[in-house]
Amino acid sequence: MSTLSALTTNQDLDPIALRQAFGVFPTGVVAVAAVVDGRPVGLAASSFTSVSLDPPLVSFSIARTSKTWPDLRRATHVGVTILAEHHGDVCRQLAGEPDERFDGIAVSVSGDGALTLDEGLARFDCTIYREVEAGDHVIVLLQLHAAEHAAGQPLVFHRSGFGRLAG
């Protein structure tokens, strides 16, 4: 028998309690970025996941209130970088002041404008495959056109903070 109380349906879900419940599940963190109108535009997302091998698809979710996504979604190609365990400060920077998000960060830009971080664990060149409205977020499906990966450990987001994998 579980020590948790029985779950009831149709309960009012408190957003703070719900965020805390979601936070018990650790996730990786990615940078999603491109050059748009001659300047780097990007964001950090902790909702990245692989979706399909045929066609090759990945996804992430973005708040409908994002001020960055309307610009970023205009890019021909976007880059996705899986952040490494030492990228905690980089992740915070990517969530900060838009004009300073890439200051001091080594990046590469594809011929189609996809921007990736040079020290990422994996880097993908993508195009937007589909956007699906989902409550207060948009689920963005990206089709992969190129991929590479390196050895190392990922940055882990857990309970509103950054951690590392053991071992």
C-alpha atoms as a PDB file:
ATOM      1  CA  MET A   1       0.000   0.000   0.000  1.00  0.00           C
ATOM      2  CA  SER A   2       1.137   3.505  -0.820  1.00  0.00           C
ATOM      3  CA  THR A   3       1.554   6.180   1.835  1.00  0.00           C
ATOM      4  CA  LEU A   4       0.254   8.777  -0.607  1.00  0.00           C
ATOM      5  CA  SER A   5      -3.322   9.851  -0.176  1.00  0.00           C
ATOM      6  CA  ALA A   6      -5.770   8.647  -2.770  1.00  0.00           C
ATOM      7  CA  LEU A   7      -5.883  10.871  -5.842  1.00  0.00           C
ATOM      8  CA  THR A   8      -9.192  12.462  -6.608  1.00  0.00           C
ATOM      9  CA  THR A   9     -10.315  13.633  -9.992  1.00  0.00           C
ATOM     10  CA  ASN A  10     -11.862  16.972 -10.867  1.00  0.00           C
ATOM     11  CA  GLN A  11      -9.831  18.707  -8.197  1.00  0.00           C
ATOM     12  CA  ASP A  12      -8.755  22.326  -8.539  1.00  0.00           C
ATOM     13  CA  LEU A  13      -5.064  22.123  -9.366  1.00  0.00           C
ATOM     14  CA  ASP A  14      -3.040  24.867  -7.725  1.00  0.00           C
ATOM     15  CA  PRO A  15      -0.469  26.132 -10.265  1.00  0.00           C
ATOM     16  CA  ILE A  16       2.299  26.361  -7.649  1.00  0.00           C
ATOM     17  CA  ALA A  17       1.699  22.824  -6.391  1.00  0.00           C
ATOM     18  CA  LEU A  18       1.451  21.590  -9.970  1.00  0.00           C
ATOM     19  CA  ARG A  19       4.785  23.230 -10.904  1.00  0.00           C
ATOM     20  CA  GLN A  20       6.352  21.536  -7.863  1.00  0.00           C
ATOM     21  CA  ALA A  21       4.922  18.169  -8.918  1.00  0.00           C
ATOM     22  CA  PHE A  22       6.232  18.615 -12.472  1.00  0.00           C
ATOM     23  CA  GLY A  23       9.624  19.555 -10.983  1.00  0.00           C
ATOM     24  CA  VAL A  24      10.223  16.112  -9.512  1.00  0.00           C
ATOM     25  CA  PHE A  25      10.904  14.863 -13.027  1.00  0.00           C
ATOM     26  CA  PRO A  26      14.448  15.798 -14.120  1.00  0.00           C
ATOM     27  CA  THR A  27      14.964  17.007 -17.682  1.00  0.00           C
ATOM     28  CA  GLY A  28      17.833  17.993 -19.890  1.00  0.00           C
ATOM     29  CA  VAL A  29      18.210  21.545 -21.145  1.00  0.00           C
ATOM     30  CA  VAL A  30      18.690  22.744 -24.704  1.00  0.00           C
ATOM     31  CA  ALA A  31      19.432  26.005 -26.445  1.00  0.00           C
ATOM     32  CA  VAL A  32      17.220  26.737 -29.446  1.00  0.00           C
ATOM     33  CA  ALA A  33      18.736  29.466 -31.609  1.00  0.00           C
ATOM     34  CA  ALA A  34      19.176  31.010 -35.048  1.00  0.00           C
ATOM     35  CA  VAL A  35      20.367  34.145 -36.735  1.00  0.00           C
ATOM     36  CA  VAL A  36      17.309  36.269 -37.516  1.00  0.00           C
ATOM     37  CA  ASP A  37      17.578  39.632 -39.268  1.00  0.00           C
ATOM     38  CA  GLY A  38      21.361  39.473 -38.861  1.00  0.00           C
ATOM     39  CA  ARG A  39      21.387  38.947 -35.084  1.00  0.00           C
ATOM     40  CA  PRO A  40      21.474  35.849 -32.855  1.00  0.00           C
ATOM     41  CA  VAL A  41      18.123  34.975 -31.287  1.00  0.00           C
ATOM     42  CA  GLY A  42      17.661  32.111 -28.872  1.00  0.00           C
ATOM     43  CA  LEU A  43      16.227  30.645 -25.716  1.00  0.00           C
ATOM     44  CA  ALA A  44      16.725  27.826 -23.241  1.00  0.00           C
ATOM     45  CA  ALA A  45      14.151  25.036 -22.988  1.00  0.00           C
ATOM     46  CA  SER A  46      13.858  22.163 -20.528  1.00  0.00           C
ATOM     47  CA  SER A  47      11.062  20.393 -22.389  1.00  0.00           C
ATOM     48  CA  PHE A  48      13.127  18.860 -25.211  1.00  0.00           C
ATOM     49  CA  THR A  49      12.493  15.280 -26.279  1.00  0.00           C
ATOM     50  CA  SER A  50      13.073  12.978 -29.221  1.00  0.00           C
ATOM     51  CA  VAL A  51       9.862  12.164 -31.096  1.00  0.00           C
ATOM     52  CA  SER A  52      10.475  10.120 -34.248  1.00  0.00           C
ATOM     53  CA  LEU A  53      13.220   8.498 -36.316  1.00  0.00           C
ATOM     54  CA  ASP A  54      11.221   8.481 -39.570  1.00  0.00           C
ATOM     55  CA  PRO A  55      10.958  11.322 -40.222  1.00  0.00           C
ATOM     56  CA  PRO A  56      13.600  12.468 -37.715  1.00  0.00           C
ATOM     57  CA  LEU A  57      11.705  14.742 -35.291  1.00  0.00           C
ATOM     58  CA  VAL A  58      12.325  16.311 -31.896  1.00  0.00           C
ATOM     59  CA  SER A  59      10.153  18.659 -29.869  1.00  0.00           C
ATOM     60  CA  PHE A  60      10.206  21.318 -27.197  1.00  0.00           C
ATOM     61  CA  SER A  61       7.496  23.441 -25.607  1.00  0.00           C
ATOM     62  CA  ILE A  62       7.465  27.208 -25.365  1.00  0.00           C
ATOM     63  CA  ALA A  63       5.150  29.492 -23.404  1.00  0.00           C
ATOM     64  CA  ARG A  64       2.633  31.291 -25.592  1.00  0.00           C
ATOM     65  CA  THR A  65       3.749  34.496 -23.844  1.00  0.00           C
ATOM     66  CA  SER A  66       7.359  34.113 -25.055  1.00  0.00           C
ATOM     67  CA  LYS A  67       8.708  37.304 -26.559  1.00  0.00           C
ATOM     68  CA  THR A  68      11.555  35.378 -28.238  1.00  0.00           C
ATOM     69  CA  TRP A  69       9.624  32.671 -30.080  1.00  0.00           C
ATOM     70  CA  PRO A  70       7.814  35.025 -32.526  1.00  0.00           C
ATOM     71  CA  ASP A  71      11.220  36.171 -33.836  1.00  0.00           C
ATOM     72  CA  LEU A  72      12.915  32.775 -33.662  1.00  0.00           C
ATOM     73  CA  ARG A  73      10.118  30.996 -35.525  1.00  0.00           C
ATOM     74  CA  ARG A  74      10.777  33.235 -38.566  1.00  0.00           C
ATOM     75  CA  ALA A  75      14.204  31.607 -39.071  1.00  0.00           C
ATOM     76  CA  THR A  76      14.692  29.339 -42.080  1.00  0.00           C
ATOM     77  CA  HIS A  77      16.591  26.847 -39.892  1.00  0.00           C
ATOM     78  CA  VAL A  78      17.047  26.695 -36.123  1.00  0.00           C
ATOM     79  CA  GLY A  79      19.830  25.082 -34.166  1.00  0.00           C
ATOM     80  CA  VAL A  80      19.258  22.951 -31.081  1.00  0.00           C
ATOM     81  CA  THR A  81      22.130  22.327 -28.683  1.00  0.00           C
ATOM     82  CA  ILE A  82      21.944  19.888 -25.771  1.00  0.00           C
ATOM     83  CA  LEU A  83      23.712  21.707 -22.947  1.00  0.00           C
ATOM     84  CA  ALA A  84      26.534  20.050 -20.997  1.00  0.00           C
ATOM     85  CA  GLU A  85      26.756  19.806 -17.206  1.00  0.00           C
ATOM     86  CA  HIS A  86      29.006  22.884 -17.009  1.00  0.00           C
ATOM     87  CA  HIS A  87      26.480  25.090 -18.861  1.00  0.00           C
ATOM     88  CA  GLY A  88      24.414  26.249 -15.851  1.00  0.00           C
ATOM     89  CA  ASP A  89      25.566  29.858 -16.269  1.00  0.00           C
ATOM     90  CA  VAL A  90      25.048  29.649 -20.034  1.00  0.00           C
ATOM     91  CA  CYS A  91      21.477  28.478 -19.461  1.00  0.00           C
ATOM     92  CA  ARG A  92      20.808  31.416 -17.135  1.00  0.00           C
ATOM     93  CA  GLN A  93      22.332  33.767 -19.718  1.00  0.00           C
ATOM     94  CA  LEU A  94      20.072  32.330 -22.445  1.00  0.00           C
ATOM     95  CA  ALA A  95      17.078  33.122 -20.233  1.00  0.00           C
ATOM     96  CA  GLY A  96      18.287  36.666 -19.585  1.00  0.00           C
ATOM     97  CA  GLU A  97      18.573  39.916 -21.506  1.00  0.00           C
ATOM     98  CA  PRO A  98      17.910  39.128 -25.210  1.00  0.00           C
ATOM     99  CA  ASP A  99      20.736  41.290 -26.583  1.00  0.00           C
ATOM    100  CA  GLU A 100      23.281  39.628 -24.244  1.00  0.00           C
ATOM    101  CA  ARG A 101      22.251  35.988 -24.545  1.00  0.00           C
ATOM    102  CA  PHE A 102      25.246  34.950 -26.661  1.00  0.00           C
ATOM    103  CA  ASP A 103      27.913  37.289 -25.246  1.00  0.00           C
ATOM    104  CA  GLY A 104      31.124  35.336 -24.657  1.00  0.00           C
ATOM    105  CA  ILE A 105      29.646  32.036 -25.860  1.00  0.00           C
ATOM    106  CA  ALA A 106      31.404  30.205 -28.711  1.00  0.00           C
ATOM    107  CA  VAL A 107      28.819  29.464 -31.404  1.00  0.00           C
ATOM    108  CA  SER A 108      28.640  28.217 -34.965  1.00  0.00           C
ATOM    109  CA  VAL A 109      26.118  29.259 -37.603  1.00  0.00           C
ATOM    110  CA  SER A 110      25.090  27.078 -40.544  1.00  0.00           C
ATOM    111  CA  GLY A 111      24.641  28.480 -44.040  1.00  0.00           C
ATOM    112  CA  ASP A 112      20.894  28.446 -43.360  1.00  0.00           C
ATOM    113  CA  GLY A 113      21.207  30.406 -40.104  1.00  0.00           C
ATOM    114  CA  ALA A 114      20.924  27.635 -37.509  1.00  0.00           C
ATOM    115  CA  LEU A 115      22.983  28.693 -34.481  1.00  0.00           C
ATOM    116  CA  THR A 116      24.486  26.082 -32.145  1.00  0.00           C
ATOM    117  CA  LEU A 117      26.815  26.272 -29.147  1.00  0.00           C
ATOM    118  CA  ASP A 118      30.258  24.860 -29.893  1.00  0.00           C
ATOM    119  CA  GLU A 119      30.579  23.047 -26.549  1.00  0.00           C
ATOM    120  CA  GLY A 120      27.190  21.324 -26.643  1.00  0.00           C
ATOM    121  CA  LEU A 121      26.812  17.584 -26.147  1.00  0.00           C
ATOM    122  CA  ALA A 122      24.721  17.285 -29.285  1.00  0.00           C
ATOM    123  CA  ARG A 123      23.897  19.792 -32.001  1.00  0.00           C
ATOM    124  CA  PHE A 124      21.056  19.650 -34.497  1.00  0.00           C
ATOM    125  CA  ASP A 125      20.152  21.681 -37.565  1.00  0.00           C
ATOM    126  CA  CYS A 126      16.352  21.778 -37.834  1.00  0.00           C
ATOM    127  CA  THR A 127      13.339  23.271 -39.531  1.00  0.00           C
ATOM    128  CA  ILE A 128       9.923  23.769 -37.984  1.00  0.00           C
ATOM    129  CA  TYR A 129       7.770  20.774 -38.868  1.00  0.00           C
ATOM    130  CA  ARG A 130       4.621  21.752 -36.977  1.00  0.00           C
ATOM    131  CA  GLU A 131       3.400  23.840 -34.052  1.00  0.00           C
ATOM    132  CA  VAL A 132       0.638  22.483 -31.818  1.00  0.00           C
ATOM    133  CA  GLU A 133      -1.239  24.740 -29.399  1.00  0.00           C
ATOM    134  CA  ALA A 134      -1.356  23.122 -25.974  1.00  0.00           C
ATOM    135  CA  GLY A 135      -2.895  25.233 -23.228  1.00  0.00           C
ATOM    136  CA  ASP A 136      -0.575  28.061 -22.248  1.00  0.00           C
ATOM    137  CA  HIS A 137       2.260  26.585 -24.352  1.00  0.00           C
ATOM    138  CA  VAL A 138       3.008  25.675 -27.951  1.00  0.00           C
ATOM    139  CA  ILE A 139       4.585  22.308 -28.692  1.00  0.00           C
ATOM    140  CA  VAL A 140       7.105  22.827 -31.481  1.00  0.00           C
ATOM    141  CA  LEU A 141       7.992  19.821 -33.614  1.00  0.00           C
ATOM    142  CA  LEU A 142      11.320  20.196 -35.406  1.00  0.00           C
ATOM    143  CA  GLN A 143      12.566  18.107 -38.315  1.00  0.00           C
ATOM    144  CA  LEU A 144      16.272  17.288 -38.172  1.00  0.00           C
ATOM    145  CA  HIS A 145      18.550  17.882 -41.153  1.00  0.00           C
ATOM    146  CA  ALA A 146      21.951  17.354 -39.510  1.00  0.00           C
ATOM    147  CA  ALA A 147      23.132  16.006 -36.164  1.00  0.00           C
ATOM    148  CA  GLU A 148      26.373  15.504 -34.286  1.00  0.00           C
ATOM    149  CA  HIS A 149      27.228  14.534 -30.730  1.00  0.00           C
ATOM    150  CA  ALA A 150      30.168  14.411 -28.328  1.00  0.00           C
ATOM    151  CA  ALA A 151      31.010  12.674 -25.076  1.00  0.00           C
ATOM    152  CA  GLY A 152      30.078  14.221 -21.761  1.00  0.00           C
ATOM    153  CA  GLN A 153      27.276  14.617 -19.245  1.00  0.00           C
ATOM    154  CA  PRO A 154      24.147  16.739 -19.748  1.00  0.00           C
ATOM    155  CA  LEU A 155      22.953  19.706 -17.736  1.00  0.00           C
ATOM    156  CA  VAL A 156      19.994  18.474 -15.688  1.00  0.00           C
ATOM    157  CA  PHE A 157      17.099  20.680 -14.578  1.00  0.00           C
ATOM    158  CA  HIS A 158      15.385  19.342 -11.443  1.00  0.00           C
ATOM    159  CA  ARG A 159      13.191  21.023  -8.815  1.00  0.00           C
ATOM    160  CA  SER A 160      13.855  24.474 -10.324  1.00  0.00           C
ATOM    161  CA  GLY A 161      17.620  24.067 -10.145  1.00  0.00           C
ATOM    162  CA  PHE A 162      20.522  22.536 -12.039  1.00  0.00           C
ATOM    163  CA  GLY A 163      22.106  19.220 -11.182  1.00  0.00           C
ATOM    164  CA  ARG A 164      24.297  16.501 -12.613  1.00  0.00           C
ATOM    165  CA  LEU A 165      23.920  12.830 -13.295  1.00  0.00           C
ATOM    166  CA  ALA A 166      25.715  10.556 -10.855  1.00  0.00           C
ATOM    167  CA  GLY A 167      28.411   8.323 -12.198  1.00  0.00           C
END
